[in-house]
Amino acid sequence: MLAKRIIPCLDIKDGQTVKGTNFVNLRHAGDPVGLARAYSEQGADELVFLDITASFEGRKTFAELVKRIAANISIPFTVGGGINELGDVDRLLNAGADKISINSSAIRNPGLIDEIAKNFGSQVCVVAVDARQNSDGWRCYLNGGRVETDKELFSWTKEAQERGAGEILFTSMNHDGVKTGYANEALAKMSELLSVPVIASGGAGQKEHFSDVFLQGKADAALAASVFHFGEIKIPDLKSYLCARGIPMRMI
């Protein structure tokens, strides 16, 4: 089994790290550069930076902040928010991103996935999916969870993979910030359906939730925010806990 990855996520609004519950009620969670440096030093496997209002506000991601974060970390770095064309990808890679994440723009223009994969390689293209489980199944949402679409979660992630996505980052809006565990049933189904890595997001509240997402949800990586930002779980402690349960981790 390949080593599983632990990925802190910096949700950025107005240049500051924030965290909410079910995509609303945002509160400040600290300086993004300081948090990024700390996570890199603590042994996080990767870092994700999401400018969570860029698409909704119709603007580009803060390239200067991306540069400052990249200069302070030594782990792979994924950046998302307001990426609508190849020029945006080029600008963020030049600012220090290793991968880019697209969500709303991919749903509006699925061909953008093909273009990014063709021009930069599939390994650069992470397709993020915000989905909520409704009475008729899992539906995908645009603009930071504000707008429901007709895209169904599993058919859309399968299409994204076929178009060239190198990874899928799936956030369950039902589980986001609630801290009761990840959407393991949906994640397991997705992991069986897809051949690219699946990153789980939404629901981490305690160490057991991470072991569950790897063993039950079959995720390749687990992303979390508030439990790391507010010191509820320390990354070295989490990795030791997971190793003791037979889940392979990269240790520093």
C-alpha atoms as a PDB file:
ATOM      1  CA  MET A   1       0.000   0.000   0.000  1.00  0.00           C
ATOM      2  CA  LEU A   2       1.273   3.449  -0.898  1.00  0.00           C
ATOM      3  CA  ALA A   3       1.779   5.907   1.949  1.00  0.00           C
ATOM      4  CA  LYS A   4      -1.364   7.859   2.721  1.00  0.00           C
ATOM      5  CA  ARG A   5      -1.180  11.658   2.781  1.00  0.00           C
ATOM      6  CA  ILE A   6      -2.223  14.200   5.414  1.00  0.00           C
ATOM      7  CA  ILE A   7      -3.037  17.572   3.844  1.00  0.00           C
ATOM      8  CA  PRO A   8      -3.852  20.750   5.788  1.00  0.00           C
ATOM      9  CA  CYS A   9      -6.044  23.191   3.860  1.00  0.00           C
ATOM     10  CA  LEU A  10      -5.814  26.969   4.025  1.00  0.00           C
ATOM     11  CA  ASP A  11      -9.186  28.466   3.074  1.00  0.00           C
ATOM     12  CA  ILE A  12      -8.336  32.076   2.233  1.00  0.00           C
ATOM     13  CA  LYS A  13     -10.692  35.058   2.275  1.00  0.00           C
ATOM     14  CA  ASP A  14      -9.369  38.632   2.009  1.00  0.00           C
ATOM     15  CA  GLY A  15      -5.814  37.335   2.466  1.00  0.00           C
ATOM     16  CA  GLN A  16      -6.554  35.605   5.783  1.00  0.00           C
ATOM     17  CA  THR A  17      -7.150  31.968   6.714  1.00  0.00           C
ATOM     18  CA  VAL A  18     -10.788  31.289   7.632  1.00  0.00           C
ATOM     19  CA  LYS A  19     -12.880  28.244   8.555  1.00  0.00           C
ATOM     20  CA  GLY A  20     -16.610  27.687   8.636  1.00  0.00           C
ATOM     21  CA  THR A  21     -19.255  25.005   9.099  1.00  0.00           C
ATOM     22  CA  ASN A  22     -21.179  23.621   6.103  1.00  0.00           C
ATOM     23  CA  PHE A  23     -19.508  26.376   4.019  1.00  0.00           C
ATOM     24  CA  VAL A  24     -20.942  29.266   6.123  1.00  0.00           C
ATOM     25  CA  ASN A  25     -20.251  31.079   9.435  1.00  0.00           C
ATOM     26  CA  LEU A  26     -16.608  31.797   8.628  1.00  0.00           C
ATOM     27  CA  ARG A  27     -14.186  32.718  11.408  1.00  0.00           C
ATOM     28  CA  HIS A  28     -10.542  33.748  11.281  1.00  0.00           C
ATOM     29  CA  ALA A  29      -8.009  30.972  11.764  1.00  0.00           C
ATOM     30  CA  GLY A  30      -4.631  32.711  11.514  1.00  0.00           C
ATOM     31  CA  ASP A  31      -1.936  34.046   9.215  1.00  0.00           C
ATOM     32  CA  PRO A  32      -1.646  31.815   6.118  1.00  0.00           C
ATOM     33  CA  VAL A  33       2.126  32.158   5.741  1.00  0.00           C
ATOM     34  CA  GLY A  34       2.790  31.276   9.382  1.00  0.00           C
ATOM     35  CA  LEU A  35       0.380  28.340   9.281  1.00  0.00           C
ATOM     36  CA  ALA A  36       1.886  27.043   6.032  1.00  0.00           C
ATOM     37  CA  ARG A  37       5.431  27.172   7.433  1.00  0.00           C
ATOM     38  CA  ALA A  38       4.349  25.379  10.615  1.00  0.00           C
ATOM     39  CA  TYR A  39       2.591  22.602   8.676  1.00  0.00           C
ATOM     40  CA  SER A  40       5.601  22.070   6.436  1.00  0.00           C
ATOM     41  CA  GLU A  41       7.859  21.785   9.505  1.00  0.00           C
ATOM     42  CA  GLN A  42       5.424  19.439  11.305  1.00  0.00           C
ATOM     43  CA  GLY A  43       5.508  16.856   8.514  1.00  0.00           C
ATOM     44  CA  ALA A  44       2.369  17.573   6.476  1.00  0.00           C
ATOM     45  CA  ASP A  45       2.623  15.742   3.153  1.00  0.00           C
ATOM     46  CA  GLU A  46       1.149  18.538   1.066  1.00  0.00           C
ATOM     47  CA  LEU A  47      -0.596  21.870   1.474  1.00  0.00           C
ATOM     48  CA  VAL A  48      -3.769  23.108  -0.237  1.00  0.00           C
ATOM     49  CA  PHE A  49      -4.565  26.828  -0.594  1.00  0.00           C
ATOM     50  CA  LEU A  50      -8.121  27.687  -1.669  1.00  0.00           C
ATOM     51  CA  ASP A  51      -9.134  31.287  -2.321  1.00  0.00           C
ATOM     52  CA  ILE A  52     -12.725  30.483  -1.405  1.00  0.00           C
ATOM     53  CA  THR A  53     -14.422  33.657  -2.697  1.00  0.00           C
ATOM     54  CA  ALA A  54     -12.410  34.235  -5.892  1.00  0.00           C
ATOM     55  CA  SER A  55     -14.920  32.483  -8.176  1.00  0.00           C
ATOM     56  CA  PHE A  56     -17.938  34.042  -6.456  1.00  0.00           C
ATOM     57  CA  GLU A  57     -16.352  37.512  -6.603  1.00  0.00           C
ATOM     58  CA  GLY A  58     -15.148  37.007 -10.180  1.00  0.00           C
ATOM     59  CA  ARG A  59     -11.477  37.730  -9.528  1.00  0.00           C
ATOM     60  CA  LYS A  60      -8.119  35.983  -9.687  1.00  0.00           C
ATOM     61  CA  THR A  61      -6.347  34.215  -6.831  1.00  0.00           C
ATOM     62  CA  PHE A  62      -3.779  36.291  -4.921  1.00  0.00           C
ATOM     63  CA  ALA A  63      -0.525  35.388  -6.698  1.00  0.00           C
ATOM     64  CA  GLU A  64       1.598  37.433  -4.272  1.00  0.00           C
ATOM     65  CA  LEU A  65       0.299  35.472  -1.285  1.00  0.00           C
ATOM     66  CA  VAL A  66       0.939  32.226  -3.172  1.00  0.00           C
ATOM     67  CA  LYS A  67       4.560  33.373  -3.686  1.00  0.00           C
ATOM     68  CA  ARG A  68       5.020  34.152  -0.010  1.00  0.00           C
ATOM     69  CA  ILE A  69       3.647  30.775   1.066  1.00  0.00           C
ATOM     70  CA  ALA A  70       5.711  28.854  -1.513  1.00  0.00           C
ATOM     71  CA  ALA A  71       8.882  30.537  -0.248  1.00  0.00           C
ATOM     72  CA  ASN A  72       8.208  29.228   3.274  1.00  0.00           C
ATOM     73  CA  ILE A  73       7.403  25.565   2.633  1.00  0.00           C
ATOM     74  CA  SER A  74       9.184  22.480   1.281  1.00  0.00           C
ATOM     75  CA  ILE A  75       6.173  20.279   0.468  1.00  0.00           C
ATOM     76  CA  PRO A  76       3.936  20.036  -2.618  1.00  0.00           C
ATOM     77  CA  PHE A  77       1.532  22.956  -2.858  1.00  0.00           C
ATOM     78  CA  THR A  78      -1.889  23.003  -4.560  1.00  0.00           C
ATOM     79  CA  VAL A  79      -3.655  26.311  -5.253  1.00  0.00           C
ATOM     80  CA  GLY A  80      -7.287  26.885  -6.225  1.00  0.00           C
ATOM     81  CA  GLY A  81      -9.775  29.708  -6.664  1.00  0.00           C
ATOM     82  CA  GLY A  82     -10.658  31.894  -9.646  1.00  0.00           C
ATOM     83  CA  ILE A  83      -8.784  29.748 -12.192  1.00  0.00           C
ATOM     84  CA  ASN A  84     -10.618  30.055 -15.506  1.00  0.00           C
ATOM     85  CA  GLU A  85      -7.996  29.779 -18.249  1.00  0.00           C
ATOM     86  CA  LEU A  86      -4.516  28.474 -19.029  1.00  0.00           C
ATOM     87  CA  GLY A  87      -2.972  31.873 -18.265  1.00  0.00           C
ATOM     88  CA  ASP A  88      -4.183  31.590 -14.664  1.00  0.00           C
ATOM     89  CA  VAL A  89      -2.537  28.184 -14.341  1.00  0.00           C
ATOM     90  CA  ASP A  90       0.738  29.473 -15.751  1.00  0.00           C
ATOM     91  CA  ARG A  91       0.697  32.489 -13.414  1.00  0.00           C
ATOM     92  CA  LEU A  92       0.154  30.353 -10.296  1.00  0.00           C
ATOM     93  CA  LEU A  93       2.734  27.728 -11.249  1.00  0.00           C
ATOM     94  CA  ASN A  94       5.226  30.549 -11.766  1.00  0.00           C
ATOM     95  CA  ALA A  95       4.279  31.900  -8.325  1.00  0.00           C
ATOM     96  CA  GLY A  96       5.283  28.584  -6.748  1.00  0.00           C
ATOM     97  CA  ALA A  97       2.276  26.265  -6.946  1.00  0.00           C
ATOM     98  CA  ASP A  98       3.009  22.629  -7.839  1.00  0.00           C
ATOM     99  CA  LYS A  99      -0.598  21.810  -8.718  1.00  0.00           C
ATOM    100  CA  ILE A 100      -3.758  23.800  -9.340  1.00  0.00           C
ATOM    101  CA  SER A 101      -7.292  22.989  -8.273  1.00  0.00           C
ATOM    102  CA  ILE A 102     -10.332  23.853 -10.387  1.00  0.00           C
ATOM    103  CA  ASN A 103     -13.943  23.482  -9.340  1.00  0.00           C
ATOM    104  CA  SER A 104     -16.580  25.943 -10.602  1.00  0.00           C
ATOM    105  CA  SER A 105     -14.666  26.641 -13.817  1.00  0.00           C
ATOM    106  CA  ALA A 106     -14.398  22.909 -14.565  1.00  0.00           C
ATOM    107  CA  ILE A 107     -18.157  22.429 -14.243  1.00  0.00           C
ATOM    108  CA  ARG A 108     -18.869  25.473 -16.418  1.00  0.00           C
ATOM    109  CA  ASN A 109     -16.219  24.536 -18.974  1.00  0.00           C
ATOM    110  CA  PRO A 110     -15.218  20.857 -18.728  1.00  0.00           C
ATOM    111  CA  GLY A 111     -12.830  21.310 -21.655  1.00  0.00           C
ATOM    112  CA  LEU A 112     -10.575  23.325 -19.327  1.00  0.00           C
ATOM    113  CA  ILE A 113      -9.571  20.016 -17.688  1.00  0.00           C
ATOM    114  CA  ASP A 114      -8.436  18.671 -21.081  1.00  0.00           C
ATOM    115  CA  GLU A 115      -6.521  21.882 -21.826  1.00  0.00           C
ATOM    116  CA  ILE A 116      -4.672  21.913 -18.497  1.00  0.00           C
ATOM    117  CA  ALA A 117      -3.776  18.217 -18.754  1.00  0.00           C
ATOM    118  CA  LYS A 118      -2.564  18.659 -22.339  1.00  0.00           C
ATOM    119  CA  ASN A 119      -0.488  21.781 -21.654  1.00  0.00           C
ATOM    120  CA  PHE A 120       0.838  21.126 -18.156  1.00  0.00           C
ATOM    121  CA  GLY A 121       0.280  17.406 -17.500  1.00  0.00           C
ATOM    122  CA  SER A 122      -2.415  15.559 -15.563  1.00  0.00           C
ATOM    123  CA  GLN A 123      -0.273  15.660 -12.415  1.00  0.00           C
ATOM    124  CA  VAL A 124      -0.848  19.447 -12.267  1.00  0.00           C
ATOM    125  CA  CYS A 125      -4.653  19.252 -12.528  1.00  0.00           C
ATOM    126  CA  VAL A 126      -6.687  18.582  -9.373  1.00  0.00           C
ATOM    127  CA  VAL A 127     -10.445  18.720  -9.913  1.00  0.00           C
ATOM    128  CA  ALA A 128     -12.172  19.767  -6.693  1.00  0.00           C
ATOM    129  CA  VAL A 129     -15.811  18.855  -6.197  1.00  0.00           C
ATOM    130  CA  ASP A 130     -18.117  20.355  -3.576  1.00  0.00           C
ATOM    131  CA  ALA A 131     -21.158  18.096  -3.293  1.00  0.00           C
ATOM    132  CA  ARG A 132     -24.160  17.770  -1.022  1.00  0.00           C
ATOM    133  CA  GLN A 133     -26.216  14.630  -0.480  1.00  0.00           C
ATOM    134  CA  ASN A 134     -29.863  15.465  -1.155  1.00  0.00           C
ATOM    135  CA  SER A 135     -32.958  13.263  -1.388  1.00  0.00           C
ATOM    136  CA  ASP A 136     -32.074  12.455  -5.014  1.00  0.00           C
ATOM    137  CA  GLY A 137     -28.392  11.654  -4.368  1.00  0.00           C
ATOM    138  CA  TRP A 138     -25.154  13.633  -4.463  1.00  0.00           C
ATOM    139  CA  ARG A 139     -25.284  16.952  -6.365  1.00  0.00           C
ATOM    140  CA  CYS A 140     -22.292  19.144  -7.212  1.00  0.00           C
ATOM    141  CA  TYR A 141     -22.238  22.854  -6.346  1.00  0.00           C
ATOM    142  CA  LEU A 142     -20.595  25.975  -7.803  1.00  0.00           C
ATOM    143  CA  ASN A 143     -19.119  29.141  -6.290  1.00  0.00           C
ATOM    144  CA  GLY A 144     -18.026  27.803  -2.923  1.00  0.00           C
ATOM    145  CA  GLY A 145     -21.193  25.796  -2.366  1.00  0.00           C
ATOM    146  CA  ARG A 146     -23.606  28.596  -3.278  1.00  0.00           C
ATOM    147  CA  VAL A 147     -25.166  27.268  -6.488  1.00  0.00           C
ATOM    148  CA  GLU A 148     -26.548  23.772  -7.078  1.00  0.00           C
ATOM    149  CA  THR A 149     -25.893  22.211 -10.497  1.00  0.00           C
ATOM    150  CA  ASP A 150     -27.334  19.264 -12.392  1.00  0.00           C
ATOM    151  CA  LYS A 151     -23.990  17.419 -12.120  1.00  0.00           C
ATOM    152  CA  GLU A 152     -24.152  14.129 -10.227  1.00  0.00           C
ATOM    153  CA  LEU A 153     -21.083  13.431  -8.085  1.00  0.00           C
ATOM    154  CA  PHE A 154     -19.953  10.060  -9.426  1.00  0.00           C
ATOM    155  CA  SER A 155     -20.629  10.659 -13.108  1.00  0.00           C
ATOM    156  CA  TRP A 156     -18.905  14.046 -12.907  1.00  0.00           C
ATOM    157  CA  THR A 157     -15.776  12.750 -11.172  1.00  0.00           C
ATOM    158  CA  LYS A 158     -15.567   9.916 -13.705  1.00  0.00           C
ATOM    159  CA  GLU A 159     -15.793  12.444 -16.549  1.00  0.00           C
ATOM    160  CA  ALA A 160     -13.150  14.643 -14.897  1.00  0.00           C
ATOM    161  CA  GLN A 161     -10.779  11.676 -14.722  1.00  0.00           C
ATOM    162  CA  GLU A 162     -11.423  10.791 -18.363  1.00  0.00           C
ATOM    163  CA  ARG A 163     -10.673  14.385 -19.389  1.00  0.00           C
ATOM    164  CA  GLY A 164      -7.282  14.283 -17.669  1.00  0.00           C
ATOM    165  CA  ALA A 165      -7.674  15.176 -13.988  1.00  0.00           C
ATOM    166  CA  GLY A 166      -4.756  13.762 -12.017  1.00  0.00           C
ATOM    167  CA  GLU A 167      -6.572  13.805  -8.675  1.00  0.00           C
ATOM    168  CA  ILE A 168     -10.069  14.378  -7.321  1.00  0.00           C
ATOM    169  CA  LEU A 169     -10.569  16.485  -4.179  1.00  0.00           C
ATOM    170  CA  PHE A 170     -14.054  15.669  -2.873  1.00  0.00           C
ATOM    171  CA  THR A 171     -15.584  17.827  -0.148  1.00  0.00           C
ATOM    172  CA  SER A 172     -18.853  16.676   1.377  1.00  0.00           C
ATOM    173  CA  MET A 173     -20.808  19.827   2.178  1.00  0.00           C
ATOM    174  CA  ASN A 174     -22.963  17.789   4.584  1.00  0.00           C
ATOM    175  CA  HIS A 175     -19.867  16.940   6.629  1.00  0.00           C
ATOM    176  CA  ASP A 176     -17.846  20.170   6.286  1.00  0.00           C
ATOM    177  CA  GLY A 177     -16.799  21.597   9.661  1.00  0.00           C
ATOM    178  CA  VAL A 178     -19.196  19.324  11.583  1.00  0.00           C
ATOM    179  CA  LYS A 179     -16.350  17.105  12.871  1.00  0.00           C
ATOM    180  CA  THR A 180     -18.315  13.858  12.881  1.00  0.00           C
ATOM    181  CA  GLY A 181     -16.221  12.028  10.288  1.00  0.00           C
ATOM    182  CA  TYR A 182     -15.806  11.945   6.525  1.00  0.00           C
ATOM    183  CA  ALA A 183     -18.349  10.774   3.915  1.00  0.00           C
ATOM    184  CA  ASN A 184     -16.785   7.308   3.898  1.00  0.00           C
ATOM    185  CA  GLU A 185     -19.499   5.477   1.993  1.00  0.00           C
ATOM    186  CA  ALA A 186     -19.376   7.933  -0.910  1.00  0.00           C
ATOM    187  CA  LEU A 187     -15.572   8.011  -0.789  1.00  0.00           C
ATOM    188  CA  ALA A 188     -15.307   4.219  -0.972  1.00  0.00           C
ATOM    189  CA  LYS A 189     -17.634   4.172  -3.970  1.00  0.00           C
ATOM    190  CA  MET A 190     -15.584   6.909  -5.656  1.00  0.00           C
ATOM    191  CA  SER A 191     -12.282   5.184  -4.932  1.00  0.00           C
ATOM    192  CA  GLU A 192     -13.558   1.988  -6.532  1.00  0.00           C
ATOM    193  CA  LEU A 193     -14.913   3.886  -9.554  1.00  0.00           C
ATOM    194  CA  LEU A 194     -11.764   5.929 -10.246  1.00  0.00           C
ATOM    195  CA  SER A 195      -8.140   5.044 -10.938  1.00  0.00           C
ATOM    196  CA  VAL A 196      -6.719   8.460  -9.930  1.00  0.00           C
ATOM    197  CA  PRO A 197      -6.094   9.377  -6.267  1.00  0.00           C
ATOM    198  CA  VAL A 198      -9.047  10.627  -4.220  1.00  0.00           C
ATOM    199  CA  ILE A 199      -8.507  13.297  -1.547  1.00  0.00           C
ATOM    200  CA  ALA A 200     -11.189  13.296   1.168  1.00  0.00           C
ATOM    201  CA  SER A 201     -12.359  16.598   2.633  1.00  0.00           C
ATOM    202  CA  GLY A 202     -15.043  17.566   5.113  1.00  0.00           C
ATOM    203  CA  GLY A 203     -15.692  16.087   8.545  1.00  0.00           C
ATOM    204  CA  ALA A 204     -12.420  15.549  10.425  1.00  0.00           C
ATOM    205  CA  GLY A 205     -12.857  15.985  14.160  1.00  0.00           C
ATOM    206  CA  GLN A 206     -10.656  13.374  15.815  1.00  0.00           C
ATOM    207  CA  LYS A 207      -7.844  10.968  14.965  1.00  0.00           C
ATOM    208  CA  GLU A 208     -10.226   8.042  14.486  1.00  0.00           C
ATOM    209  CA  HIS A 209     -11.868   9.876  11.600  1.00  0.00           C
ATOM    210  CA  PHE A 210      -8.576   9.788   9.698  1.00  0.00           C
ATOM    211  CA  SER A 211      -8.097   6.053  10.191  1.00  0.00           C
ATOM    212  CA  ASP A 212     -11.726   5.504   9.136  1.00  0.00           C
ATOM    213  CA  VAL A 213     -11.333   7.538   5.950  1.00  0.00           C
ATOM    214  CA  PHE A 214      -8.309   5.475   4.906  1.00  0.00           C
ATOM    215  CA  LEU A 215      -9.628   2.056   5.943  1.00  0.00           C
ATOM    216  CA  GLN A 216     -13.361   2.452   5.268  1.00  0.00           C
ATOM    217  CA  GLY A 217     -13.380   5.328   2.771  1.00  0.00           C
ATOM    218  CA  LYS A 218     -10.353   3.972   0.877  1.00  0.00           C
ATOM    219  CA  ALA A 219      -9.135   7.546   0.337  1.00  0.00           C
ATOM    220  CA  ASP A 220      -5.581   8.195  -0.809  1.00  0.00           C
ATOM    221  CA  ALA A 221      -5.280  11.424   1.177  1.00  0.00           C
ATOM    222  CA  ALA A 222      -7.191  13.212   3.927  1.00  0.00           C
ATOM    223  CA  LEU A 223      -7.556  16.975   3.948  1.00  0.00           C
ATOM    224  CA  ALA A 224      -8.525  18.920   7.057  1.00  0.00           C
ATOM    225  CA  ALA A 225      -8.497  22.505   8.277  1.00  0.00           C
ATOM    226  CA  SER A 226      -9.864  23.576  11.648  1.00  0.00           C
ATOM    227  CA  VAL A 227      -8.557  20.596  13.657  1.00  0.00           C
ATOM    228  CA  PHE A 228      -5.065  21.609  12.551  1.00  0.00           C
ATOM    229  CA  HIS A 229      -5.506  25.405  12.597  1.00  0.00           C
ATOM    230  CA  PHE A 230      -6.821  25.473  16.158  1.00  0.00           C
ATOM    231  CA  GLY A 231      -4.364  22.883  17.504  1.00  0.00           C
ATOM    232  CA  GLU A 232      -6.950  20.197  18.215  1.00  0.00           C
ATOM    233  CA  ILE A 233      -4.839  17.570  16.411  1.00  0.00           C
ATOM    234  CA  LYS A 234      -1.064  17.765  15.906  1.00  0.00           C
ATOM    235  CA  ILE A 235       0.181  16.304  12.630  1.00  0.00           C
ATOM    236  CA  PRO A 236       3.111  14.306  14.164  1.00  0.00           C
ATOM    237  CA  ASP A 237       0.750  12.784  16.753  1.00  0.00           C
ATOM    238  CA  LEU A 238      -1.796  11.941  14.057  1.00  0.00           C
ATOM    239  CA  LYS A 239       0.784  10.226  11.873  1.00  0.00           C
ATOM    240  CA  SER A 240       2.102   8.168  14.804  1.00  0.00           C
ATOM    241  CA  TYR A 241      -1.465   7.153  15.654  1.00  0.00           C
ATOM    242  CA  LEU A 242      -2.142   6.066  12.051  1.00  0.00           C
ATOM    243  CA  CYS A 243       1.149   4.171  11.748  1.00  0.00           C
ATOM    244  CA  ALA A 244       0.286   2.238  14.899  1.00  0.00           C
ATOM    245  CA  ARG A 245      -2.901   1.132  13.157  1.00  0.00           C
ATOM    246  CA  GLY A 246      -1.051  -0.196  10.144  1.00  0.00           C
ATOM    247  CA  ILE A 247      -1.731   2.757   7.852  1.00  0.00           C
ATOM    248  CA  PRO A 248       1.478   3.672   5.983  1.00  0.00           C
ATOM    249  CA  MET A 249       2.643   7.252   6.557  1.00  0.00           C
ATOM    250  CA  ARG A 250       5.661   9.296   5.505  1.00  0.00           C
ATOM    251  CA  MET A 251       7.382  10.220   8.763  1.00  0.00           C
ATOM    252  CA  ILE A 252      10.013  12.955   9.248  1.00  0.00           C
END
